């Protein structure tokens, strides 16, 4: 699904030469992994990871040079992708169960969009007004820091998923 999501976005993924396509696809993969857990039994535990991943996504989107509306649009593509891929599975379920999953999934995506836009806005404000309201040139993209943050989010998710259920 990550490849399909990236294909839908086309050239937008590589619009900023500072962010490699592999990093964006890794971020997509993380979001897909987290959202899949958000409709399962670990949804409460994974909630904070979802919000942190979405905020990180918004911050990276700012570095990619996207507009706030494009951040929303990219996550709307995620909603459409999930809906299309889950439709056959949900159609096979009892109507009430399938509807509950779709409603939960849509709520999760909506909250994720809001948090991503907040992360995007925070990154822009930090870039523009880092030193007493004067824009700085030192607020560039740090590839190692983005990779470290992604590593941390992925490790946190993996450790939570692999915990024995109580």
Protein backbone atom coordinates (compact mmCIF):
# COMPACT_ATOMS: atom_id res chain seq x y z
CA UNK A 1 0.00 0.00 0.00
CA UNK A 2 2.95 2.31 0.61
CA UNK A 3 3.95 2.08 -3.05
CA UNK A 4 0.39 2.84 -4.15
CA UNK A 5 0.19 5.84 -1.80
CA UNK A 6 3.52 7.14 -3.10
CA UNK A 7 2.41 6.63 -6.71
CA UNK A 8 -0.79 8.60 -6.09
CA UNK A 9 1.27 11.51 -4.80
CA UNK A 10 3.57 11.41 -7.81
CA UNK A 11 6.22 14.11 -8.05
CA UNK A 12 5.12 15.75 -4.82
CA UNK A 13 7.12 13.11 -2.92
CA UNK A 14 10.40 14.25 -4.41
CA UNK A 15 9.59 17.96 -4.72
CA UNK A 16 12.13 18.83 -2.02
CA UNK A 17 15.56 17.41 -2.80
CA UNK A 18 16.43 17.51 0.93
CA UNK A 19 14.01 14.69 1.81
CA UNK A 20 14.75 11.44 -0.02
CA UNK A 21 11.86 9.39 -1.36
CA UNK A 22 12.88 6.47 0.88
CA UNK A 23 12.42 8.61 3.98
CA UNK A 24 8.94 9.70 2.88
CA UNK A 25 8.01 6.10 2.09
CA UNK A 26 9.34 5.03 5.49
CA UNK A 27 7.12 7.64 7.09
CA UNK A 28 4.14 6.34 5.08
CA UNK A 29 4.91 2.80 6.25
CA UNK A 30 5.03 3.93 9.86
CA UNK A 31 1.68 5.71 9.53
CA UNK A 32 0.11 2.62 7.95
CA UNK A 33 1.49 0.36 10.68
CA UNK A 34 0.23 2.63 13.43
CA UNK A 35 -3.22 3.20 11.90
CA UNK A 36 -3.69 -0.54 11.51
CA UNK A 37 -3.13 -0.92 15.25
CA UNK A 38 -5.48 1.99 15.97
CA UNK A 39 -8.53 -0.04 14.97
CA UNK A 40 -7.46 -3.11 16.92
CA UNK A 41 -7.28 -4.10 20.56
CA UNK A 42 -4.19 -1.94 21.24
CA UNK A 43 -5.83 1.29 20.05
CA UNK A 44 -5.63 3.03 23.42
CA UNK A 45 -1.99 2.14 23.91
CA UNK A 46 -1.03 3.14 20.35
CA UNK A 47 -2.91 6.45 20.48
CA UNK A 48 0.09 8.51 21.67
CA UNK A 49 2.33 6.95 19.02
CA UNK A 50 -0.27 7.83 16.36
CA UNK A 51 -0.33 11.46 17.46
CA UNK A 52 3.47 11.69 17.61
CA UNK A 53 3.83 10.02 14.19
CA UNK A 54 1.29 12.40 12.65
CA UNK A 55 2.98 15.43 14.21
CA UNK A 56 6.32 14.20 12.87
CA UNK A 57 4.73 13.72 9.46
CA UNK A 58 3.52 17.32 9.50
CA UNK A 59 6.96 18.60 10.47
CA UNK A 60 8.64 16.65 7.68
CA UNK A 61 5.95 17.84 5.23
CA UNK A 62 6.94 21.40 6.11
CA UNK A 63 10.53 20.58 5.22
CA UNK A 64 9.34 18.97 1.99
CA UNK A 65 7.90 22.35 1.05
CA UNK A 66 4.24 21.31 1.11
CA UNK A 67 1.38 23.67 1.84
CA UNK A 68 -0.91 22.89 4.79
CA UNK A 69 -3.65 21.80 2.38
CA UNK A 70 -1.29 19.32 0.77
CA UNK A 71 -0.59 17.74 4.17
CA UNK A 72 -4.34 17.26 4.58
CA UNK A 73 -4.66 15.94 1.05
CA UNK A 74 -1.89 13.37 1.52
CA UNK A 75 -3.57 11.98 4.62
CA UNK A 76 -6.90 11.99 2.77
CA UNK A 77 -5.21 9.77 0.20
CA UNK A 78 -4.40 7.42 3.09
CA UNK A 79 -8.09 7.34 4.01
CA UNK A 80 -9.08 6.53 0.43
CA UNK A 81 -6.39 3.88 0.12
CA UNK A 82 -7.50 2.18 3.33
CA UNK A 83 -11.17 2.36 2.35
CA UNK A 84 -10.52 0.79 -1.04
CA UNK A 85 -8.31 -1.97 0.34
CA UNK A 86 -10.48 -2.76 3.34
CA UNK A 87 -13.82 -2.71 1.50
CA UNK A 88 -13.82 -6.43 0.59
CA UNK A 89 -12.85 -7.44 4.13
CA UNK A 90 -15.43 -5.16 5.74
CA UNK A 91 -18.16 -6.28 3.33
CA UNK A 92 -17.66 -9.85 4.53
CA UNK A 93 -18.23 -8.82 8.17
CA UNK A 94 -21.49 -8.25 9.94
CA UNK A 95 -22.77 -4.80 8.93
CA UNK A 96 -22.56 -3.41 12.45
CA UNK A 97 -18.99 -4.60 12.96
CA UNK A 98 -17.78 -3.31 9.59
CA UNK A 99 -19.44 0.06 10.13
CA UNK A 100 -17.87 0.39 13.59
CA UNK A 101 -14.42 -0.26 12.16
CA UNK A 102 -14.92 2.28 9.35
CA UNK A 103 -16.20 4.93 11.74
CA UNK A 104 -13.26 4.35 14.09
CA UNK A 105 -10.83 4.46 11.18
CA UNK A 106 -12.28 7.74 9.94
CA UNK A 107 -12.09 9.28 13.43
CA UNK A 108 -8.47 8.19 13.70
CA UNK A 109 -7.59 9.68 10.32
CA UNK A 110 -9.41 12.94 11.14
CA UNK A 111 -7.51 13.34 14.41
CA UNK A 112 -4.27 12.46 12.63
CA UNK A 113 -4.88 15.15 10.02
CA UNK A 114 -5.44 17.75 12.73
CA UNK A 115 -2.26 16.75 14.56
CA UNK A 116 -0.24 16.69 11.32
CA UNK A 117 -1.36 20.24 10.51
CA UNK A 118 -0.35 21.33 14.03
CA UNK A 119 3.08 19.73 13.52
CA UNK A 120 3.37 21.43 10.14
CA UNK A 121 2.46 24.82 11.62
CA UNK A 122 4.81 24.36 14.58
CA UNK A 123 7.67 23.56 12.21
CA UNK A 124 6.98 26.67 10.12
CA UNK A 125 6.79 28.92 13.17
CA UNK A 126 9.99 27.41 14.58
CA UNK A 127 11.75 27.94 11.26
CA UNK A 128 10.62 31.54 10.86
CA UNK A 129 10.95 32.76 14.42
CA UNK A 130 13.67 30.72 16.04
CA UNK A 131 15.56 33.69 17.48
CA UNK A 132 13.43 36.52 18.86
CA UNK A 133 11.25 36.78 15.79
CA UNK A 134 14.13 36.92 13.34
CA UNK A 135 14.27 34.16 10.72
CA UNK A 136 17.42 32.07 10.93
CA UNK A 137 19.35 30.21 8.31
CA UNK A 138 20.31 27.46 10.79
CA UNK A 139 16.89 25.80 10.79
CA UNK A 140 17.68 23.45 7.92
CA UNK A 141 16.70 19.84 7.56
CA UNK A 142 18.79 17.42 9.61
CA UNK A 143 18.56 14.04 7.92
CA UNK A 144 20.12 12.17 10.84
CA UNK A 145 17.65 13.71 13.29
CA UNK A 146 14.64 12.78 11.15
CA UNK A 147 15.95 9.21 10.82
CA UNK A 148 16.56 9.04 14.58
CA UNK A 149 13.01 10.21 15.29
CA UNK A 150 11.58 7.66 12.86
CA UNK A 151 13.71 4.94 14.50
CA UNK A 152 12.34 5.92 17.89
CA UNK A 153 8.71 5.85 16.74
CA UNK A 154 9.18 2.50 14.99
CA UNK A 155 10.89 0.97 18.03
CA UNK A 156 8.17 2.24 20.35
CA UNK A 157 5.46 0.76 18.13
CA UNK A 158 7.27 -2.57 17.77
CA UNK A 159 7.87 -2.89 21.50
CA UNK A 160 4.20 -2.17 22.19
CA UNK A 161 2.96 -4.69 19.62
CA UNK A 162 5.29 -7.42 20.88
CA UNK A 163 4.26 -7.05 24.54
CA UNK A 164 2.29 -10.00 25.90
CA UNK A 165 -1.42 -9.25 26.17
CA UNK A 166 -2.87 -8.98 29.68
